[in-house]
Amino acid sequence: MKFLKCYKEIWFGIGLGAFAWVVDAVMHVELGADVHAGGLWSEIFAPHPTAFIFRVFYFVVAVAFGVFLWRANWRERQLRALEEAVVAFQRQLDAPALRIVATARTLQNRNSVRLDETANRLAAEIGADAALLDELAKKYLEFGRLVQEGETARAIETLRNIEVWLVERKTDTK
């Protein structure tokens, strides 16, 4: 199914070429009914050599049009994938930042003067989340550099590696 979805413009070209083939065959049957006695099926599957050459030409032009559309949309698909990856990356940065803010507010609102066990645990969580944000920021800078240099494929791969790294970090902390 992915094959059909990924190359839909090329499939459109193939369909357009087949449609042109059938339309030309119907036209030959309708216009040439008095000249030759062949039916529609024989005109579609066993045409006269000259008609066959023209139909192959129509088919090749239609498939070439489909390939052209596919290549034109390829860049757009890459940029859309990049945009989705950036949005996912930003969502991954939001959770640790919100936890840091919430933990800091919890520490600030404590009535105790000296740090007890809970405050120590909260301070450790703040430190871990701050380190995570720092590492993510460094990886994001690498991603930004790749995008500015026009290396879209490597930038997308960098974001996917960051996602894998984050999943590994989450499983390590649990």
N, C-alpha and C. Protein backbone atom coordinates (compact mmCIF):
# COMPACT_ATOMS: atom_id res chain seq x y z
N MET A 1 0.83 -1.20 0.00
CA MET A 1 0.00 0.00 0.00
C MET A 1 0.87 1.26 0.00
N LYS A 2 1.99 1.18 0.73
CA LYS A 2 2.89 2.33 0.78
C LYS A 2 3.45 2.62 -0.61
N PHE A 3 3.69 1.56 -1.39
CA PHE A 3 4.20 1.71 -2.74
C PHE A 3 3.23 2.52 -3.59
N LEU A 4 1.94 2.22 -3.45
CA LEU A 4 0.93 2.96 -4.22
C LEU A 4 0.85 4.41 -3.77
N LYS A 5 0.93 4.62 -2.46
CA LYS A 5 0.81 5.97 -1.92
C LYS A 5 2.03 6.82 -2.25
N CYS A 6 3.20 6.21 -2.20
CA CYS A 6 4.44 6.95 -2.42
C CYS A 6 4.60 7.40 -3.88
N TYR A 7 4.12 6.59 -4.78
CA TYR A 7 4.29 6.88 -6.21
C TYR A 7 2.96 7.17 -6.89
N LYS A 8 2.05 7.85 -6.20
CA LYS A 8 0.72 8.07 -6.75
C LYS A 8 0.73 8.90 -8.02
N GLU A 9 1.67 9.83 -8.16
CA GLU A 9 1.72 10.63 -9.38
C GLU A 9 2.12 9.77 -10.59
N ILE A 10 3.04 8.83 -10.36
CA ILE A 10 3.44 7.94 -11.45
C ILE A 10 2.28 7.02 -11.83
N TRP A 11 1.55 6.53 -10.82
CA TRP A 11 0.37 5.72 -11.10
C TRP A 11 -0.68 6.53 -11.85
N PHE A 12 -0.78 7.81 -11.53
CA PHE A 12 -1.68 8.68 -12.27
C PHE A 12 -1.26 8.74 -13.74
N GLY A 13 0.04 8.87 -14.00
CA GLY A 13 0.54 8.90 -15.38
C GLY A 13 0.24 7.60 -16.12
N ILE A 14 0.41 6.47 -15.43
CA ILE A 14 0.10 5.18 -16.05
C ILE A 14 -1.39 5.09 -16.38
N GLY A 15 -2.22 5.53 -15.43
CA GLY A 15 -3.67 5.53 -15.68
C GLY A 15 -4.06 6.45 -16.82
N LEU A 16 -3.43 7.62 -16.86
CA LEU A 16 -3.71 8.57 -17.94
C LEU A 16 -3.30 7.98 -19.29
N GLY A 17 -2.15 7.31 -19.32
CA GLY A 17 -1.70 6.68 -20.56
C GLY A 17 -2.64 5.57 -21.01
N ALA A 18 -3.10 4.75 -20.05
CA ALA A 18 -4.04 3.68 -20.38
C ALA A 18 -5.36 4.27 -20.87
N PHE A 19 -5.79 5.36 -20.25
CA PHE A 19 -7.02 6.02 -20.67
C PHE A 19 -6.88 6.56 -22.10
N ALA A 20 -5.74 7.17 -22.40
CA ALA A 20 -5.50 7.68 -23.76
C ALA A 20 -5.50 6.53 -24.77
N TRP A 21 -4.93 5.40 -24.37
CA TRP A 21 -4.89 4.21 -25.23
C TRP A 21 -6.32 3.76 -25.56
N VAL A 22 -7.17 3.67 -24.53
CA VAL A 22 -8.55 3.21 -24.73
C VAL A 22 -9.35 4.23 -25.54
N VAL A 23 -9.17 5.51 -25.26
CA VAL A 23 -9.90 6.55 -26.01
C VAL A 23 -9.50 6.49 -27.49
N ASP A 24 -8.22 6.32 -27.76
CA ASP A 24 -7.78 6.23 -29.16
C ASP A 24 -8.36 4.98 -29.82
N ALA A 25 -8.42 3.87 -29.08
CA ALA A 25 -8.99 2.64 -29.65
C ALA A 25 -10.47 2.82 -29.95
N VAL A 26 -11.21 3.45 -29.03
CA VAL A 26 -12.64 3.70 -29.25
C VAL A 26 -12.82 4.61 -30.46
N MET A 27 -11.98 5.62 -30.58
CA MET A 27 -12.07 6.54 -31.71
C MET A 27 -11.82 5.79 -33.02
N HIS A 28 -10.85 4.90 -33.03
CA HIS A 28 -10.57 4.14 -34.25
C HIS A 28 -11.73 3.20 -34.59
N VAL A 29 -12.34 2.60 -33.59
CA VAL A 29 -13.47 1.71 -33.85
C VAL A 29 -14.65 2.50 -34.39
N GLU A 30 -14.93 3.67 -33.81
CA GLU A 30 -16.07 4.47 -34.25
C GLU A 30 -15.84 5.07 -35.64
N LEU A 31 -14.64 5.59 -35.88
CA LEU A 31 -14.37 6.24 -37.16
C LEU A 31 -14.09 5.24 -38.27
N GLY A 32 -13.54 4.10 -37.91
CA GLY A 32 -13.15 3.15 -38.95
C GLY A 32 -14.05 1.94 -39.05
N ALA A 33 -15.30 2.07 -38.63
CA ALA A 33 -16.21 0.93 -38.67
C ALA A 33 -16.44 0.44 -40.09
N ASP A 34 -16.41 1.34 -41.06
CA ASP A 34 -16.63 0.94 -42.44
C ASP A 34 -15.36 0.38 -43.07
N VAL A 35 -14.20 0.75 -42.56
CA VAL A 35 -12.93 0.37 -43.18
C VAL A 35 -12.51 -1.04 -42.79
N HIS A 36 -12.55 -1.34 -41.49
CA HIS A 36 -12.17 -2.68 -41.05
C HIS A 36 -13.20 -3.21 -40.06
N ALA A 37 -13.30 -4.50 -39.97
CA ALA A 37 -14.38 -5.11 -39.20
C ALA A 37 -13.96 -5.46 -37.77
N GLY A 38 -12.78 -5.04 -37.33
CA GLY A 38 -12.31 -5.38 -35.99
C GLY A 38 -13.15 -4.73 -34.91
N GLY A 39 -13.31 -5.43 -33.80
CA GLY A 39 -14.08 -4.90 -32.68
C GLY A 39 -13.19 -4.09 -31.74
N LEU A 40 -13.80 -3.63 -30.66
CA LEU A 40 -13.09 -2.80 -29.68
C LEU A 40 -11.94 -3.57 -29.02
N TRP A 41 -12.21 -4.82 -28.63
CA TRP A 41 -11.16 -5.59 -27.94
C TRP A 41 -9.95 -5.82 -28.84
N SER A 42 -10.19 -6.12 -30.10
CA SER A 42 -9.05 -6.32 -31.01
C SER A 42 -8.32 -5.01 -31.26
N GLU A 43 -9.05 -3.91 -31.25
CA GLU A 43 -8.41 -2.60 -31.44
C GLU A 43 -7.58 -2.21 -30.22
N ILE A 44 -8.03 -2.60 -29.02
CA ILE A 44 -7.27 -2.29 -27.80
C ILE A 44 -6.03 -3.18 -27.69
N PHE A 45 -6.22 -4.49 -27.86
CA PHE A 45 -5.13 -5.43 -27.58
C PHE A 45 -4.31 -5.84 -28.80
N ALA A 46 -4.81 -5.64 -30.00
CA ALA A 46 -4.06 -5.98 -31.21
C ALA A 46 -4.27 -4.90 -32.27
N PRO A 47 -3.79 -3.69 -32.00
CA PRO A 47 -4.03 -2.60 -32.95
C PRO A 47 -3.13 -2.71 -34.19
N HIS A 48 -3.48 -1.92 -35.17
CA HIS A 48 -2.66 -1.79 -36.38
C HIS A 48 -1.30 -1.24 -35.95
N PRO A 49 -0.21 -1.61 -36.61
CA PRO A 49 1.13 -1.16 -36.18
C PRO A 49 1.26 0.36 -36.04
N THR A 50 0.69 1.12 -36.95
CA THR A 50 0.78 2.58 -36.85
C THR A 50 0.03 3.09 -35.62
N ALA A 51 -1.15 2.56 -35.40
CA ALA A 51 -1.92 2.96 -34.21
C ALA A 51 -1.17 2.54 -32.94
N PHE A 52 -0.54 1.37 -32.98
CA PHE A 52 0.23 0.90 -31.83
C PHE A 52 1.36 1.87 -31.49
N ILE A 53 2.06 2.35 -32.51
CA ILE A 53 3.17 3.29 -32.29
C ILE A 53 2.65 4.58 -31.66
N PHE A 54 1.55 5.11 -32.17
CA PHE A 54 0.99 6.34 -31.60
C PHE A 54 0.51 6.12 -30.17
N ARG A 55 -0.12 4.99 -29.91
CA ARG A 55 -0.61 4.72 -28.55
C ARG A 55 0.54 4.53 -27.56
N VAL A 56 1.59 3.89 -28.00
CA VAL A 56 2.77 3.76 -27.13
C VAL A 56 3.34 5.15 -26.85
N PHE A 57 3.36 6.01 -27.86
CA PHE A 57 3.84 7.37 -27.67
C PHE A 57 2.96 8.11 -26.65
N TYR A 58 1.62 8.01 -26.78
CA TYR A 58 0.71 8.63 -25.81
C TYR A 58 0.99 8.11 -24.40
N PHE A 59 1.16 6.80 -24.31
CA PHE A 59 1.39 6.18 -23.00
C PHE A 59 2.70 6.66 -22.38
N VAL A 60 3.77 6.72 -23.18
CA VAL A 60 5.07 7.17 -22.68
C VAL A 60 5.00 8.63 -22.24
N VAL A 61 4.33 9.47 -23.01
CA VAL A 61 4.19 10.88 -22.64
C VAL A 61 3.41 11.00 -21.32
N ALA A 62 2.35 10.23 -21.16
CA ALA A 62 1.56 10.30 -19.93
C ALA A 62 2.37 9.81 -18.73
N VAL A 63 3.13 8.73 -18.88
CA VAL A 63 3.96 8.24 -17.78
C VAL A 63 5.06 9.25 -17.47
N ALA A 64 5.65 9.86 -18.49
CA ALA A 64 6.66 10.90 -18.26
C ALA A 64 6.06 12.08 -17.50
N PHE A 65 4.83 12.43 -17.82
CA PHE A 65 4.13 13.49 -17.08
C PHE A 65 3.96 13.09 -15.62
N GLY A 66 3.59 11.84 -15.36
CA GLY A 66 3.46 11.35 -13.99
C GLY A 66 4.78 11.39 -13.24
N VAL A 67 5.86 11.00 -13.90
CA VAL A 67 7.19 11.05 -13.27
C VAL A 67 7.57 12.50 -12.98
N PHE A 68 7.28 13.39 -13.90
CA PHE A 68 7.56 14.81 -13.67
C PHE A 68 6.80 15.33 -12.46
N LEU A 69 5.52 14.99 -12.35
CA LEU A 69 4.73 15.40 -11.18
C LEU A 69 5.32 14.82 -9.90
N TRP A 70 5.73 13.56 -9.95
CA TRP A 70 6.30 12.91 -8.77
C TRP A 70 7.57 13.63 -8.32
N ARG A 71 8.43 13.96 -9.26
CA ARG A 71 9.67 14.67 -8.92
C ARG A 71 9.38 16.07 -8.39
N ALA A 72 8.39 16.74 -8.95
CA ALA A 72 8.04 18.09 -8.49
C ALA A 72 7.49 18.04 -7.07
N ASN A 73 6.73 17.02 -6.74
CA ASN A 73 6.14 16.91 -5.41
C ASN A 73 7.09 16.29 -4.39
N TRP A 74 8.18 15.70 -4.83
CA TRP A 74 9.13 15.05 -3.93
C TRP A 74 9.70 16.04 -2.93
N ARG A 75 10.10 17.19 -3.40
CA ARG A 75 10.67 18.21 -2.51
C ARG A 75 9.62 18.67 -1.49
N GLU A 76 8.40 18.85 -1.96
CA GLU A 76 7.32 19.25 -1.05
C GLU A 76 7.08 18.18 0.02
N ARG A 77 7.12 16.92 -0.37
CA ARG A 77 6.94 15.84 0.61
C ARG A 77 8.07 15.84 1.63
N GLN A 78 9.30 16.10 1.17
CA GLN A 78 10.43 16.15 2.09
C GLN A 78 10.27 17.29 3.09
N LEU A 79 9.88 18.45 2.62
CA LEU A 79 9.69 19.60 3.51
C LEU A 79 8.54 19.37 4.49
N ARG A 80 7.49 18.69 4.04
CA ARG A 80 6.38 18.37 4.94
C ARG A 80 6.84 17.41 6.04
N ALA A 81 7.65 16.41 5.67
CA ALA A 81 8.19 15.48 6.67
C ALA A 81 9.10 16.21 7.64
N LEU A 82 9.87 17.15 7.12
CA LEU A 82 10.75 17.94 7.99
C LEU A 82 9.94 18.79 8.96
N GLU A 83 8.88 19.39 8.48
CA GLU A 83 8.03 20.21 9.34
C GLU A 83 7.39 19.36 10.45
N GLU A 84 6.91 18.17 10.08
CA GLU A 84 6.32 17.28 11.09
C GLU A 84 7.35 16.87 12.13
N ALA A 85 8.58 16.62 11.68
CA ALA A 85 9.64 16.23 12.61
C ALA A 85 9.99 17.37 13.56
N VAL A 86 10.01 18.60 13.05
CA VAL A 86 10.32 19.76 13.90
C VAL A 86 9.22 19.95 14.95
N VAL A 87 7.96 19.80 14.54
CA VAL A 87 6.86 19.95 15.49
C VAL A 87 6.95 18.88 16.57
N ALA A 88 7.25 17.64 16.18
CA ALA A 88 7.40 16.57 17.17
C ALA A 88 8.57 16.86 18.11
N PHE A 89 9.64 17.38 17.57
CA PHE A 89 10.81 17.71 18.38
C PHE A 89 10.47 18.80 19.40
N GLN A 90 9.75 19.82 18.97
CA GLN A 90 9.36 20.89 19.89
C GLN A 90 8.45 20.36 20.99
N ARG A 91 7.58 19.43 20.66
CA ARG A 91 6.71 18.83 21.68
C ARG A 91 7.55 18.06 22.70
N GLN A 92 8.63 17.44 22.24
CA GLN A 92 9.48 16.70 23.17
C GLN A 92 10.23 17.64 24.10
N LEU A 93 10.52 18.83 23.65
CA LEU A 93 11.18 19.80 24.52
C LEU A 93 10.23 20.42 25.54
N ASP A 94 8.95 20.45 25.22
CA ASP A 94 7.98 21.10 26.10
C ASP A 94 7.84 20.40 27.45
N ALA A 95 7.77 19.08 27.46
CA ALA A 95 7.51 18.35 28.71
C ALA A 95 8.60 18.58 29.76
N PRO A 96 9.90 18.42 29.42
CA PRO A 96 10.91 18.68 30.45
C PRO A 96 10.90 20.14 30.92
N ALA A 97 10.66 21.07 30.03
CA ALA A 97 10.64 22.48 30.43
C ALA A 97 9.49 22.75 31.41
N LEU A 98 8.33 22.19 31.13
CA LEU A 98 7.20 22.37 32.04
C LEU A 98 7.45 21.70 33.38
N ARG A 99 8.10 20.53 33.37
CA ARG A 99 8.43 19.86 34.64
C ARG A 99 9.40 20.70 35.45
N ILE A 100 10.37 21.32 34.78
CA ILE A 100 11.33 22.16 35.50
C ILE A 100 10.61 23.33 36.17
N VAL A 101 9.71 23.96 35.43
CA VAL A 101 8.97 25.10 35.99
C VAL A 101 8.11 24.64 37.16
N ALA A 102 7.40 23.53 37.00
CA ALA A 102 6.53 23.05 38.07
C ALA A 102 7.34 22.64 39.30
N THR A 103 8.46 21.98 39.09
CA THR A 103 9.30 21.55 40.21
C THR A 103 9.90 22.75 40.93
N ALA A 104 10.32 23.72 40.17
CA ALA A 104 10.88 24.93 40.79
C ALA A 104 9.83 25.65 41.62
N ARG A 105 8.61 25.72 41.13
CA ARG A 105 7.53 26.37 41.90
C ARG A 105 7.22 25.58 43.17
N THR A 106 7.27 24.25 43.06
CA THR A 106 7.03 23.43 44.24
C THR A 106 8.10 23.68 45.29
N LEU A 107 9.35 23.75 44.86
CA LEU A 107 10.44 24.04 45.80
C LEU A 107 10.28 25.42 46.43
N GLN A 108 9.89 26.37 45.63
CA GLN A 108 9.74 27.74 46.14
C GLN A 108 8.61 27.85 47.16
N ASN A 109 7.59 27.06 47.00
CA ASN A 109 6.43 27.15 47.88
C ASN A 109 6.56 26.32 49.15
N ARG A 110 7.66 25.66 49.34
CA ARG A 110 7.85 24.85 50.56
C ARG A 110 8.07 25.78 51.75
N ASN A 111 7.51 25.39 52.88
CA ASN A 111 7.63 26.18 54.09
C ASN A 111 8.91 25.87 54.87
N SER A 112 9.51 24.75 54.56
CA SER A 112 10.71 24.33 55.30
C SER A 112 11.91 25.17 54.89
N VAL A 113 12.74 25.52 55.87
CA VAL A 113 13.93 26.31 55.59
C VAL A 113 15.03 25.42 55.03
N ARG A 114 15.24 24.28 55.63
CA ARG A 114 16.30 23.40 55.12
C ARG A 114 15.67 22.36 54.17
N LEU A 115 16.48 21.85 53.26
CA LEU A 115 15.98 20.91 52.27
C LEU A 115 15.82 19.52 52.88
N ASP A 116 14.64 18.99 52.80
CA ASP A 116 14.41 17.63 53.27
C ASP A 116 14.51 16.67 52.09
N GLU A 117 14.06 15.43 52.28
CA GLU A 117 14.15 14.41 51.23
C GLU A 117 13.40 14.83 49.97
N THR A 118 12.21 15.32 50.12
CA THR A 118 11.39 15.72 48.97
C THR A 118 12.06 16.84 48.19
N ALA A 119 12.60 17.81 48.90
CA ALA A 119 13.27 18.92 48.22
C ALA A 119 14.51 18.43 47.49
N ASN A 120 15.25 17.51 48.10
CA ASN A 120 16.43 16.95 47.42
C ASN A 120 16.03 16.20 46.15
N ARG A 121 14.95 15.42 46.23
CA ARG A 121 14.48 14.68 45.06
C ARG A 121 14.05 15.65 43.97
N LEU A 122 13.32 16.69 44.36
CA LEU A 122 12.87 17.68 43.37
C LEU A 122 14.06 18.41 42.75
N ALA A 123 15.05 18.73 43.55
CA ALA A 123 16.24 19.39 43.01
C ALA A 123 16.97 18.47 42.04
N ALA A 124 17.01 17.17 42.34
CA ALA A 124 17.65 16.21 41.43
C ALA A 124 16.87 16.12 40.12
N GLU A 125 15.54 16.14 40.21
CA GLU A 125 14.73 16.11 38.99
C GLU A 125 14.97 17.36 38.14
N ILE A 126 15.08 18.49 38.80
CA ILE A 126 15.37 19.73 38.08
C ILE A 126 16.71 19.61 37.36
N GLY A 127 17.70 19.11 38.04
CA GLY A 127 19.02 18.94 37.41
C GLY A 127 18.98 17.99 36.23
N ALA A 128 18.26 16.87 36.38
CA ALA A 128 18.16 15.89 35.28
C ALA A 128 17.44 16.49 34.08
N ASP A 129 16.34 17.20 34.35
CA ASP A 129 15.60 17.81 33.24
C ASP A 129 16.40 18.93 32.58
N ALA A 130 17.14 19.68 33.37
CA ALA A 130 17.98 20.74 32.79
C ALA A 130 19.07 20.13 31.91
N ALA A 131 19.67 19.01 32.36
CA ALA A 131 20.69 18.34 31.54
C ALA A 131 20.07 17.80 30.25
N LEU A 132 18.86 17.26 30.35
CA LEU A 132 18.17 16.75 29.16
C LEU A 132 17.90 17.88 28.18
N LEU A 133 17.42 19.01 28.68
CA LEU A 133 17.17 20.15 27.80
C LEU A 133 18.46 20.66 27.17
N ASP A 134 19.54 20.64 27.92
CA ASP A 134 20.82 21.08 27.39
C ASP A 134 21.27 20.17 26.24
N GLU A 135 21.16 18.85 26.45
CA GLU A 135 21.54 17.91 25.38
C GLU A 135 20.63 18.06 24.17
N LEU A 136 19.33 18.23 24.40
CA LEU A 136 18.40 18.43 23.28
C LEU A 136 18.70 19.72 22.53
N ALA A 137 19.06 20.75 23.25
CA ALA A 137 19.39 22.02 22.60
C ALA A 137 20.62 21.86 21.71
N LYS A 138 21.62 21.12 22.18
CA LYS A 138 22.82 20.88 21.36
C LYS A 138 22.46 20.10 20.10
N LYS A 139 21.62 19.08 20.25
CA LYS A 139 21.21 18.30 19.08
C LYS A 139 20.37 19.16 18.13
N TYR A 140 19.56 20.05 18.69
CA TYR A 140 18.75 20.94 17.87
C TYR A 140 19.63 21.91 17.08
N LEU A 141 20.72 22.38 17.70
CA LEU A 141 21.65 23.26 16.98
C LEU A 141 22.28 22.52 15.80
N GLU A 142 22.62 21.25 15.99
CA GLU A 142 23.15 20.44 14.89
C GLU A 142 22.10 20.31 13.79
N PHE A 143 20.86 20.08 14.19
CA PHE A 143 19.77 19.98 13.22
C PHE A 143 19.62 21.28 12.44
N GLY A 144 19.65 22.42 13.14
CA GLY A 144 19.52 23.72 12.47
C GLY A 144 20.65 23.97 11.49
N ARG A 145 21.86 23.56 11.86
CA ARG A 145 23.00 23.73 10.97
C ARG A 145 22.79 22.92 9.69
N LEU A 146 22.30 21.68 9.82
CA LEU A 146 22.08 20.84 8.65
C LEU A 146 21.00 21.43 7.75
N VAL A 147 19.95 21.98 8.34
CA VAL A 147 18.88 22.58 7.54
C VAL A 147 19.40 23.80 6.79
N GLN A 148 20.20 24.63 7.46
CA GLN A 148 20.75 25.82 6.81
C GLN A 148 21.69 25.46 5.67
N GLU A 149 22.39 24.34 5.81
CA GLU A 149 23.30 23.91 4.74
C GLU A 149 22.56 23.20 3.61
N GLY A 150 21.25 23.01 3.77
CA GLY A 150 20.46 22.38 2.72
C GLY A 150 20.50 20.87 2.74
N GLU A 151 21.00 20.28 3.80
CA GLU A 151 21.08 18.82 3.91
C GLU A 151 19.82 18.31 4.61
N THR A 152 18.71 18.38 3.88
CA THR A 152 17.42 18.04 4.46
C THR A 152 17.34 16.59 4.90
N ALA A 153 17.85 15.69 4.09
CA ALA A 153 17.77 14.26 4.43
C ALA A 153 18.53 13.97 5.72
N ARG A 154 19.73 14.54 5.85
CA ARG A 154 20.50 14.33 7.09
C ARG A 154 19.84 15.00 8.28
N ALA A 155 19.19 16.14 8.05
CA ALA A 155 18.49 16.83 9.14
C ALA A 155 17.33 15.98 9.65
N ILE A 156 16.58 15.40 8.73
CA ILE A 156 15.47 14.52 9.13
C ILE A 156 16.01 13.32 9.89
N GLU A 157 17.10 12.75 9.41
CA GLU A 157 17.72 11.61 10.09
C GLU A 157 18.19 12.01 11.49
N THR A 158 18.72 13.21 11.64
CA THR A 158 19.14 13.70 12.96
C THR A 158 17.95 13.78 13.90
N LEU A 159 16.82 14.29 13.41
CA LEU A 159 15.63 14.37 14.26
C LEU A 159 15.13 12.98 14.65
N ARG A 160 15.19 12.05 13.72
CA ARG A 160 14.77 10.68 14.05
C ARG A 160 15.70 10.06 15.08
N ASN A 161 17.00 10.35 14.97
CA ASN A 161 17.95 9.85 15.96
C ASN A 161 17.67 10.46 17.33
N ILE A 162 17.28 11.72 17.36
CA ILE A 162 16.94 12.37 18.62
C ILE A 162 15.72 11.69 19.24
N GLU A 163 14.72 11.37 18.41
CA GLU A 163 13.53 10.69 18.92
C GLU A 163 13.90 9.34 19.53
N VAL A 164 14.75 8.59 18.85
CA VAL A 164 15.20 7.29 19.37
C VAL A 164 15.94 7.49 20.68
N TRP A 165 16.81 8.49 20.72
CA TRP A 165 17.58 8.77 21.93
C TRP A 165 16.66 9.11 23.10
N LEU A 166 15.62 9.91 22.83
CA LEU A 166 14.67 10.27 23.89
C LEU A 166 13.91 9.05 24.40
N VAL A 167 13.51 8.18 23.49
CA VAL A 167 12.80 6.97 23.91
C VAL A 167 13.72 6.11 24.78
N GLU A 168 14.99 6.00 24.38
CA GLU A 168 15.94 5.24 25.19
C GLU A 168 16.13 5.87 26.56
N ARG A 169 16.19 7.20 26.60
CA ARG A 169 16.34 7.90 27.88
C ARG A 169 15.14 7.65 28.79
N LYS A 170 13.94 7.66 28.19
CA LYS A 170 12.73 7.43 28.99
C LYS A 170 12.71 6.02 29.55
N THR A 171 13.14 5.04 28.75
CA THR A 171 13.14 3.66 29.25
C THR A 171 14.25 3.46 30.28
N ASP A 172 15.35 4.20 30.17
CA ASP A 172 16.43 4.09 31.16
C ASP A 172 16.03 4.68 32.50
N THR A 173 15.23 5.75 32.48
CA THR A 173 14.85 6.42 33.73
C THR A 173 13.73 5.69 34.45
N LYS A 174 12.99 4.85 33.75
CA LYS A 174 11.86 4.15 34.39
C LYS A 174 12.30 2.93 35.14
